[in-house]
Structure formats: C-alpha cells, structure tokens
Amino acid sequence: CVRGGIIDLFPMGSVLPYRLDLFDDEIESIATFDVDTQRTLYPVPEIRLLPAREFPLDEKGQTTFRQNFRERFEGDPSKSRIYKDVSKGIAPNGIEYYLPLFFEQTATLFDYLPQNATLCLHHDVDAAIRQFALDAAARYKLLRGDPQHPLLEPRELFMDGEQFFIRVKDFARVDVIATSAPSPQAPDGTTSHSTKPASGQVAGYLPLGEGNSDSLSPVERVGVREGSKNITPCATSPIPPVAVDRRAEVPTQKFADFLRDHAGRVLLLADSLGRREIMSGYLKEYGLAPAVCEDFASFLDGTEKFMLGVAPVQSGFVLDHDRLAIVTEGELYAQQARTRASRAAKKSNVEGMLRDLSELKPG
C-alpha cells in the first residue's frame, strides 16, 4: 500500500507488517505497526524479504524449465500456453504445479524441520492422505489430455502415505485421536471396556518402539496401552455460550458468569495484537480486567484466574483434568465470527464457480 511518502508492506512469513517512511527517494525510517489500530509498534533497522514466488523466472530459471519441459512432455512445446508464458517471464495461473521443472530436486516440509521438532498428527491422517491421492488421481485423468496444459503426474508433485510416514519416523510424534471413555470398575475388581467414545474425549499418544519406553516422561507413561501405542487420556469439554449480547444491559454478562462459575483458570485468545488491546479495553468497561500473557507457557506459569493472549485458535475448550478453559475471540463475538465466515464462504464459492467455468470445453 502506497500513500504519499509512506509504503506499507506485509511480507510473506512476517508476523507483523512494516511501514517505510520516505524522504524524497530515500528511506527515512522503518517500523512495524499493528494492522487493526495502524499504530506504530517499534522501529527496525532493516527488512529481509522472502521471494514472492517459490520458482525463479530469471534467465537461468526459464532455461531450466524449458529444458525439463521438453524432456518431460511430448509434442510441440510452442503449443503450450504454460511454456510460452514462462519463456516470456510471466507466471501463469497454476504454475506451482510445474515446480519440479524449475529445479533438479525439490524439498519437502520435513527438510525444513529442525531435528528436535515434535510432530502433532490430528485424527486419521492416513485416511486423509489416501483420499487426497484419489482426488488428485481423478483430476489428473480428467485433465491430462489438454495439449496447452500438459500435467505432471501426482507422484511427481505429492508424497504418498508410505513416503510421508517414513519421513515422520525421523521425529518425535504425538497423535491426537478419539478414545473410549474410562470404564467403571466392576465389583469383582475387573474393568469393563466401552467401545463408544465419550463426548469431547481425546487422547495423545507416542508410538513406542522396542526399548523406547524409558525415554518417555512420567506423564507420557500414564494411560492406556493399546498394542505399541501409549495413550494418555485428556478429556475436554466444550465452552458454554459466552457470546457478547450488545442488546443486554451488561453485554458481557454470560462471559462474566462463566468466569465466576469456572473452578479453574481462563485464557481468552484474540486474533491479533491489535484485537487484544481492543478486547482488553472493552472488557475493562464492564469490570473484567484480564492480565496479559505473551504465550501459552507464560499462561501456565501464571497464577491469575483470567488472562488475555493472542493465538490463531478457532474453537475453545476446557481441559477437565487441569481445569483450564481456552476461550477464543470467535466465541466471545459469535455473531461477528459467523459474518466473517459467511463472507469467506461466499468468496470461496464464487472463486470455485469461476474455476469450474474456466475448465469447460466445447464438445
């Protein structure tokens, strides 16, 4: 965004946007600012910008692309719109699906992770990978005959399930899965097992290899053992209705009642730093004064009953065992969140229709 002698930048991968203040043709100052309030936060001496694209369109990149394109696809490359656009230094729509043609070898997400990273897999990842592979294969069969847009095979672009889980083995891993509710103990001392998952019941587990159990912490050893998996139950409950009612005499009454009745601590999460400041001021108007925390670790280390932080969490929950409640901005301002979601869905539907229309062919 350019406004007179001010240029606002929000680079890819940056947590905060930057504001450049110009004096004639020189940069006089660089500072970060908040998107919501537009207030300057702190100055910075320099900015390092990542490339806008993952593929190079310089002379070397174009040469590599043309060479690999001719080796990979049969026929006259001049009939391909993709080939002609890249040769002119233009990035056409869908160019990301030709990324392997720009390089001798491409990397995966695992190549960028530090060795001490812990991966968290949510629900049935294997089933999701299989479904994606089926969808990609079906789309490839449908569109591969277009000479203007010859397609790379899905295996050249995506990892399959076997490759994924082979790479996952190099890292510590936690799976979040649904588990059965704890079964009551019978009078004779035996335990019956329920096959019906309890509402809100989830568990995290780490795969245990041979001789690997000693490396687990005492907390990780606690739980139910199924085969090679050490399952630690972690019961959760949904957040009750706490939405602000602007027509009520006290709009925050439901949230105040929840704070009063909840036996443990509460963390309210805003979408951004600017929203955190706005929400803090709004809550203070109605007698709710949250303590600010910078991250989840500081919340756990704190003692205040009600704290306010920033995190991209969509839905809140209550950790029953620890009596910790995580409430999101979307739950506090439920109507506003639904409006944003409906706008996003409407935009997505329009883009989907335009994309489908662009694939229509006479015949």
Protein backbone atom coordinates (compact mmCIF):
# COMPACT_ATOMS: atom_id res chain seq x y z
CA CYS A 1 0.00 0.00 0.00
CA VAL A 2 1.45 3.37 -1.04
CA ARG A 3 0.19 6.62 0.49
CA GLY A 4 2.22 9.68 -0.37
CA GLY A 5 5.62 9.20 1.24
CA ILE A 6 4.57 6.06 3.16
CA ILE A 7 4.79 2.46 1.93
CA ASP A 8 3.18 -0.37 3.95
CA LEU A 9 4.50 -3.89 3.41
CA PHE A 10 3.26 -7.20 4.83
CA PRO A 11 5.85 -9.72 3.58
CA MET A 12 5.10 -13.42 3.34
CA GLY A 13 6.24 -15.17 6.51
CA SER A 14 6.34 -11.98 8.58
CA VAL A 15 4.44 -11.78 11.87
CA LEU A 16 3.89 -8.02 11.61
CA PRO A 17 3.68 -5.58 8.68
CA TYR A 18 6.27 -2.87 8.09
CA ARG A 19 5.89 0.84 7.37
CA LEU A 20 8.52 2.65 5.30
CA ASP A 21 8.64 6.42 5.69
CA LEU A 22 10.27 8.03 2.64
CA PHE A 23 12.09 11.33 2.31
CA ASP A 24 12.28 12.05 -1.41
CA ASP A 25 13.85 8.87 -2.86
CA GLU A 26 15.45 7.68 0.40
CA ILE A 27 14.03 5.58 3.25
CA GLU A 28 13.99 7.74 6.36
CA SER A 29 12.66 5.14 8.82
CA ILE A 30 11.32 1.57 9.02
CA ALA A 31 8.94 0.44 11.75
CA THR A 32 6.44 -2.32 12.47
CA PHE A 33 2.79 -1.45 13.01
CA ASP A 34 -0.47 -3.09 14.06
CA VAL A 35 -2.93 -3.95 11.29
CA ASP A 36 -6.06 -3.17 13.32
CA THR A 37 -5.05 0.05 15.08
CA GLN A 38 -2.49 1.25 12.48
CA ARG A 39 -0.29 2.32 15.39
CA THR A 40 3.49 2.10 15.12
CA LEU A 41 4.94 -0.60 17.39
CA TYR A 42 8.74 -0.41 17.22
CA PRO A 43 11.47 0.62 14.72
CA VAL A 44 13.64 -1.91 12.87
CA PRO A 45 16.99 -1.30 11.13
CA GLU A 46 16.28 -3.46 8.07
CA ILE A 47 13.81 -5.85 6.41
CA ARG A 48 14.65 -9.18 4.83
CA LEU A 49 12.08 -10.16 2.23
CA LEU A 50 11.46 -13.70 1.08
CA PRO A 51 10.94 -14.28 -2.65
CA ALA A 52 7.37 -13.62 -3.74
CA ARG A 53 7.31 -16.99 -5.53
CA GLU A 54 8.85 -20.41 -4.99
CA PHE A 55 10.02 -20.61 -8.61
CA PRO A 56 12.63 -18.44 -10.35
CA LEU A 57 11.66 -16.60 -13.52
CA ASP A 58 15.12 -15.26 -14.31
CA GLU A 59 17.02 -16.39 -17.40
CA LYS A 60 18.51 -19.43 -15.66
CA GLY A 61 15.13 -20.50 -14.30
CA GLN A 62 13.47 -20.14 -17.69
CA THR A 63 16.21 -22.19 -19.37
CA THR A 64 15.90 -24.99 -16.80
CA PHE A 65 12.12 -25.00 -17.13
CA ARG A 66 12.17 -25.17 -20.94
CA GLN A 67 14.73 -27.97 -20.94
CA ASN A 68 12.83 -30.08 -18.41
CA PHE A 69 9.52 -29.33 -20.13
CA ARG A 70 10.78 -30.64 -23.49
CA GLU A 71 12.23 -33.75 -21.84
CA ARG A 72 9.08 -34.46 -19.85
CA PHE A 73 6.31 -33.81 -22.39
CA GLU A 74 5.98 -34.96 -25.99
CA GLY A 75 4.83 -32.77 -28.86
CA ASP A 76 5.44 -29.16 -29.85
CA PRO A 77 6.06 -27.08 -26.68
CA SER A 78 5.13 -23.88 -28.54
CA LYS A 79 1.50 -25.02 -28.40
CA SER A 80 1.55 -24.91 -24.61
CA ARG A 81 0.46 -21.65 -23.04
CA ILE A 82 2.41 -22.51 -19.88
CA TYR A 83 5.63 -22.94 -21.87
CA LYS A 84 5.18 -19.68 -23.77
CA ASP A 85 4.30 -17.64 -20.67
CA VAL A 86 7.30 -18.86 -18.67
CA SER A 87 9.57 -18.19 -21.66
CA LYS A 88 8.39 -14.57 -21.51
CA GLY A 89 8.94 -14.32 -17.75
CA ILE A 90 5.21 -14.46 -16.98
CA ALA A 91 3.88 -16.56 -14.09
CA PRO A 92 0.61 -18.09 -15.35
CA ASN A 93 -2.12 -19.47 -13.11
CA GLY A 94 -1.30 -22.94 -11.83
CA ILE A 95 2.46 -22.57 -12.33
CA GLU A 96 3.02 -24.06 -8.84
CA TYR A 97 2.04 -27.47 -10.25
CA TYR A 98 5.12 -27.32 -12.51
CA LEU A 99 7.56 -26.56 -9.68
CA PRO A 100 9.74 -29.69 -10.27
CA LEU A 101 10.55 -28.41 -13.77
CA PHE A 102 12.40 -25.40 -12.32
CA PHE A 103 14.81 -27.45 -10.19
CA GLU A 104 16.87 -30.61 -10.33
CA GLN A 105 15.40 -31.67 -6.99
CA THR A 106 12.63 -30.28 -4.78
CA ALA A 107 12.36 -30.33 -0.99
CA THR A 108 9.52 -31.29 1.34
CA LEU A 109 8.30 -29.82 4.61
CA PHE A 110 10.39 -32.36 6.52
CA ASP A 111 13.60 -30.95 5.03
CA TYR A 112 12.93 -27.63 6.79
CA LEU A 113 12.05 -29.00 10.23
CA PRO A 114 14.70 -28.99 12.98
CA GLN A 115 15.79 -32.41 14.21
CA ASN A 116 14.29 -31.80 17.65
CA ALA A 117 10.83 -30.96 16.24
CA THR A 118 7.77 -32.80 17.55
CA LEU A 119 5.02 -33.54 15.04
CA CYS A 120 1.37 -33.49 16.10
CA LEU A 121 -0.94 -35.53 13.85
CA HIS A 122 -4.63 -34.78 14.22
CA HIS A 123 -7.18 -37.60 13.77
CA ASP A 124 -6.83 -40.09 10.87
CA VAL A 125 -4.02 -38.62 8.78
CA ASP A 126 -3.56 -41.82 6.77
CA ALA A 127 -7.18 -41.74 5.58
CA ALA A 128 -6.88 -38.07 4.64
CA ILE A 129 -3.75 -38.79 2.57
CA ARG A 130 -5.45 -41.67 0.77
CA GLN A 131 -8.50 -39.53 -0.04
CA PHE A 132 -6.31 -36.71 -1.35
CA ALA A 133 -4.40 -39.17 -3.53
CA LEU A 134 -7.67 -40.46 -5.02
CA ASP A 135 -8.90 -36.92 -5.73
CA ALA A 136 -5.58 -35.92 -7.33
CA ALA A 137 -5.50 -39.05 -9.49
CA ALA A 138 -9.10 -38.48 -10.66
CA ARG A 139 -8.37 -34.87 -11.57
CA TYR A 140 -5.20 -35.90 -13.41
CA LYS A 141 -7.09 -38.45 -15.52
CA LEU A 142 -9.73 -35.86 -16.35
CA LEU A 143 -7.39 -33.07 -17.48
CA ARG A 144 -4.21 -34.74 -18.72
CA GLY A 145 -5.24 -34.69 -22.38
CA ASP A 146 -5.06 -30.90 -22.78
CA PRO A 147 -2.02 -30.06 -25.02
CA GLN A 148 -1.99 -26.45 -23.81
CA HIS A 149 -1.73 -27.58 -20.18
CA PRO A 150 0.13 -30.91 -20.05
CA LEU A 151 0.16 -32.18 -16.48
CA LEU A 152 2.80 -33.76 -14.28
CA GLU A 153 1.70 -36.97 -12.60
CA PRO A 154 0.58 -36.65 -8.96
CA ARG A 155 3.51 -38.79 -7.77
CA GLU A 156 5.88 -36.12 -9.16
CA LEU A 157 4.19 -33.42 -7.09
CA PHE A 158 2.98 -35.01 -3.86
CA MET A 159 4.19 -37.51 -1.28
CA ASP A 160 2.13 -40.65 -0.85
CA GLY A 161 1.19 -42.13 2.51
CA GLU A 162 4.14 -44.52 2.66
CA GLN A 163 6.68 -41.76 1.95
CA PHE A 164 5.00 -39.49 4.49
CA PHE A 165 5.13 -41.94 7.38
CA ILE A 166 8.71 -42.97 6.54
CA ARG A 167 9.77 -39.33 6.97
CA VAL A 168 7.62 -38.94 10.09
CA LYS A 169 9.70 -41.65 11.81
CA ASP A 170 12.64 -39.24 11.99
CA PHE A 171 10.80 -37.04 14.51
CA ALA A 172 9.11 -37.31 17.87
CA ARG A 173 5.39 -37.65 17.29
CA VAL A 174 2.12 -37.05 19.12
CA ASP A 175 -1.18 -38.25 17.66
CA VAL A 176 -4.46 -36.63 18.72
CA ILE A 177 -7.17 -39.28 18.43
CA ALA A 178 -10.61 -40.14 19.75
CA THR A 179 -10.54 -42.71 22.52
CA SER A 180 -13.03 -44.62 24.60
CA ALA A 181 -14.34 -43.25 27.84
CA PRO A 182 -12.77 -44.68 31.02
CA SER A 183 -14.82 -47.66 32.10
CA PRO A 184 -16.02 -48.06 35.67
CA GLN A 185 -14.56 -50.86 37.74
CA ALA A 186 -16.84 -53.80 38.40
CA PRO A 187 -17.45 -55.09 41.95
CA ASP A 188 -15.22 -58.10 41.30
CA GLY A 189 -12.28 -55.83 40.56
CA THR A 190 -12.33 -56.27 36.78
CA THR A 191 -12.68 -53.41 34.34
CA SER A 192 -15.18 -53.41 31.51
CA HIS A 193 -14.25 -51.60 28.29
CA SER A 194 -16.62 -49.28 26.48
CA THR A 195 -16.40 -49.12 22.69
CA LYS A 196 -18.31 -45.84 22.44
CA PRO A 197 -16.10 -42.72 22.58
CA ALA A 198 -17.07 -40.20 25.20
CA SER A 199 -18.14 -36.75 24.05
CA GLY A 200 -15.15 -34.46 23.86
CA GLN A 201 -12.76 -37.25 24.88
CA VAL A 202 -9.43 -37.18 23.08
CA ALA A 203 -6.02 -38.64 23.72
CA GLY A 204 -2.45 -38.04 22.70
CA TYR A 205 -0.05 -40.93 22.22
CA LEU A 206 3.55 -41.51 21.22
CA PRO A 207 4.47 -44.67 19.28
CA LEU A 208 6.71 -46.87 21.42
CA GLY A 209 9.42 -48.77 19.65
CA GLU A 210 11.44 -51.56 21.19
CA GLY A 211 13.25 -50.24 24.24
CA ASN A 212 11.77 -46.78 23.73
CA SER A 213 9.56 -46.58 26.82
CA ASP A 214 12.42 -45.42 29.07
CA SER A 215 12.74 -42.23 27.05
CA LEU A 216 9.20 -41.13 27.90
CA SER A 217 8.40 -38.75 30.71
CA PRO A 218 6.30 -39.99 33.67
CA VAL A 219 3.29 -38.16 32.25
CA GLU A 220 3.63 -39.93 28.91
CA ARG A 221 3.83 -43.34 30.61
CA VAL A 222 0.46 -42.81 32.27
CA GLY A 223 -2.56 -44.05 30.35
CA VAL A 224 -3.94 -46.98 28.43
CA ARG A 225 -1.62 -49.10 26.35
CA GLU A 226 -3.00 -50.47 23.07
CA GLY A 227 -0.51 -52.51 21.09
CA SER A 228 2.51 -50.29 20.50
CA LYS A 229 0.75 -47.05 21.47
CA ASN A 230 0.91 -45.34 24.83
CA ILE A 231 -2.41 -43.49 25.12
CA THR A 232 -2.83 -40.73 27.68
CA PRO A 233 -6.49 -39.73 28.15
CA CYS A 234 -7.09 -36.00 28.02
CA ALA A 235 -10.78 -35.26 28.50
CA THR A 236 -12.09 -31.98 27.12
CA SER A 237 -15.42 -30.20 27.30
CA PRO A 238 -16.91 -27.51 25.04
CA ILE A 239 -17.12 -23.89 26.10
CA PRO A 240 -20.68 -22.93 27.18
CA PRO A 241 -22.38 -19.95 25.48
CA VAL A 242 -20.37 -16.86 26.43
CA ALA A 243 -21.11 -14.58 23.46
CA VAL A 244 -21.46 -10.85 23.97
CA ASP A 245 -25.07 -9.67 23.74
CA ARG A 246 -24.95 -6.00 22.77
CA ARG A 247 -28.69 -5.58 23.45
CA ALA A 248 -28.37 -6.67 27.06
CA GLU A 249 -27.87 -4.23 29.91
CA VAL A 250 -24.49 -5.86 30.57
CA PRO A 251 -23.29 -7.27 27.20
CA THR A 252 -20.58 -9.40 28.82
CA GLN A 253 -22.86 -10.97 31.45
CA LYS A 254 -22.65 -14.54 30.07
CA PHE A 255 -18.87 -14.42 29.95
CA ALA A 256 -18.71 -12.90 33.44
CA ASP A 257 -20.92 -15.72 34.75
CA PHE A 258 -18.61 -18.28 33.16
CA LEU A 259 -15.57 -16.68 34.81
CA ARG A 260 -17.32 -16.73 38.17
CA ASP A 261 -18.56 -20.33 37.95
CA HIS A 262 -15.48 -21.94 36.38
CA ALA A 263 -13.37 -23.57 39.08
CA GLY A 264 -10.07 -23.14 37.27
CA ARG A 265 -8.26 -20.56 35.16
CA VAL A 266 -9.39 -18.98 31.88
CA LEU A 267 -7.35 -17.87 28.86
CA LEU A 268 -9.10 -15.64 26.31
CA LEU A 269 -7.41 -15.59 22.90
CA ALA A 270 -7.57 -12.67 20.46
CA ASP A 271 -6.85 -12.90 16.74
CA SER A 272 -4.09 -10.26 16.75
CA LEU A 273 -2.18 -7.88 18.99
CA GLY A 274 -4.45 -5.02 17.97
CA ARG A 275 -7.58 -7.04 18.73
CA ARG A 276 -6.10 -7.95 22.11
CA GLU A 277 -5.81 -4.28 23.06
CA ILE A 278 -9.33 -3.53 21.84
CA MET A 279 -10.81 -6.50 23.72
CA SER A 280 -8.90 -5.60 26.88
CA GLY A 281 -10.33 -2.09 26.86
CA TYR A 282 -13.84 -3.35 26.12
CA LEU A 283 -13.79 -5.90 28.95
CA LYS A 284 -12.47 -3.35 31.44
CA GLU A 285 -15.52 -1.17 30.75
CA TYR A 286 -17.65 -3.92 32.31
CA GLY A 287 -15.42 -4.72 35.26
CA LEU A 288 -13.40 -7.56 33.69
CA ALA A 289 -9.67 -6.88 33.87
CA PRO A 290 -7.62 -9.70 32.31
CA ALA A 291 -3.88 -9.99 32.81
CA VAL A 292 -1.95 -10.00 29.54
CA CYS A 293 0.21 -13.03 28.67
CA GLU A 294 2.61 -13.27 25.75
CA ASP A 295 2.31 -17.01 25.10
CA PHE A 296 0.80 -20.22 26.42
CA ALA A 297 3.87 -21.01 28.52
CA SER A 298 3.51 -17.74 30.43
CA PHE A 299 -0.17 -18.54 30.99
CA LEU A 300 0.73 -21.91 32.50
CA ASP A 301 3.38 -20.28 34.69
CA GLY A 302 0.99 -17.55 35.83
CA THR A 303 -1.44 -17.57 38.74
CA GLU A 304 -4.09 -15.07 37.57
CA LYS A 305 -7.52 -16.58 37.08
CA PHE A 306 -8.26 -14.63 33.88
CA MET A 307 -5.62 -13.87 31.24
CA LEU A 308 -5.70 -12.48 27.69
CA GLY A 309 -3.37 -13.61 24.89
CA VAL A 310 -3.03 -13.93 21.12
CA ALA A 311 -3.20 -17.18 19.12
CA PRO A 312 -4.81 -18.44 15.88
CA VAL A 313 -7.21 -20.85 17.61
CA GLN A 314 -10.62 -21.36 16.04
CA SER A 315 -12.58 -23.16 18.78
CA GLY A 316 -12.19 -23.11 22.53
CA PHE A 317 -12.35 -25.97 25.02
CA VAL A 318 -11.98 -26.86 28.68
CA LEU A 319 -9.26 -29.23 29.86
CA ASP A 320 -11.26 -31.03 32.53
CA HIS A 321 -8.35 -32.54 34.44
CA ASP A 322 -6.35 -29.30 34.65
CA ARG A 323 -9.43 -27.06 34.89
CA LEU A 324 -8.05 -24.79 32.18
CA ALA A 325 -10.52 -23.05 29.88
CA ILE A 326 -9.42 -21.72 26.48
CA VAL A 327 -11.92 -19.23 25.04
CA THR A 328 -11.48 -17.73 21.56
CA GLU A 329 -12.49 -14.38 20.15
CA GLY A 330 -14.92 -16.19 17.85
CA GLU A 331 -16.85 -17.48 20.86
CA LEU A 332 -16.90 -14.12 22.61
CA TYR A 333 -18.08 -12.33 19.45
CA ALA A 334 -20.04 -15.20 17.91
CA GLN A 335 -22.19 -13.12 15.54
CA GLN A 336 -19.17 -11.28 14.14
CA ALA A 337 -17.32 -14.55 13.61
CA ARG A 338 -20.27 -16.04 11.71
CA THR A 339 -20.42 -12.96 9.47
CA ARG A 340 -16.73 -13.28 8.62
CA ALA A 341 -17.16 -17.00 7.90
CA SER A 342 -20.14 -16.42 5.61
CA ARG A 343 -18.24 -13.78 3.65
CA ALA A 344 -15.27 -16.12 3.25
CA ALA A 345 -17.55 -18.97 2.15
CA LYS A 346 -19.29 -16.72 -0.38
CA LYS A 347 -15.95 -15.62 -1.82
CA SER A 348 -14.76 -19.23 -1.96
CA ASN A 349 -17.93 -20.33 -3.80
CA VAL A 350 -17.53 -17.59 -6.40
CA GLU A 351 -13.89 -18.50 -6.98
CA GLY A 352 -14.86 -22.16 -7.29
CA MET A 353 -17.53 -21.40 -9.90
CA LEU A 354 -15.12 -19.29 -11.94
CA ARG A 355 -12.51 -22.04 -11.79
CA ASP A 356 -15.05 -24.64 -12.93
CA LEU A 357 -16.22 -22.42 -15.79
CA SER A 358 -12.63 -21.94 -16.95
CA GLU A 359 -12.33 -25.70 -17.39
CA LEU A 360 -15.36 -26.02 -19.67
CA LYS A 361 -14.58 -27.08 -23.22
CA PRO A 362 -16.73 -27.13 -26.36
CA GLY A 363 -17.86 -30.57 -27.36
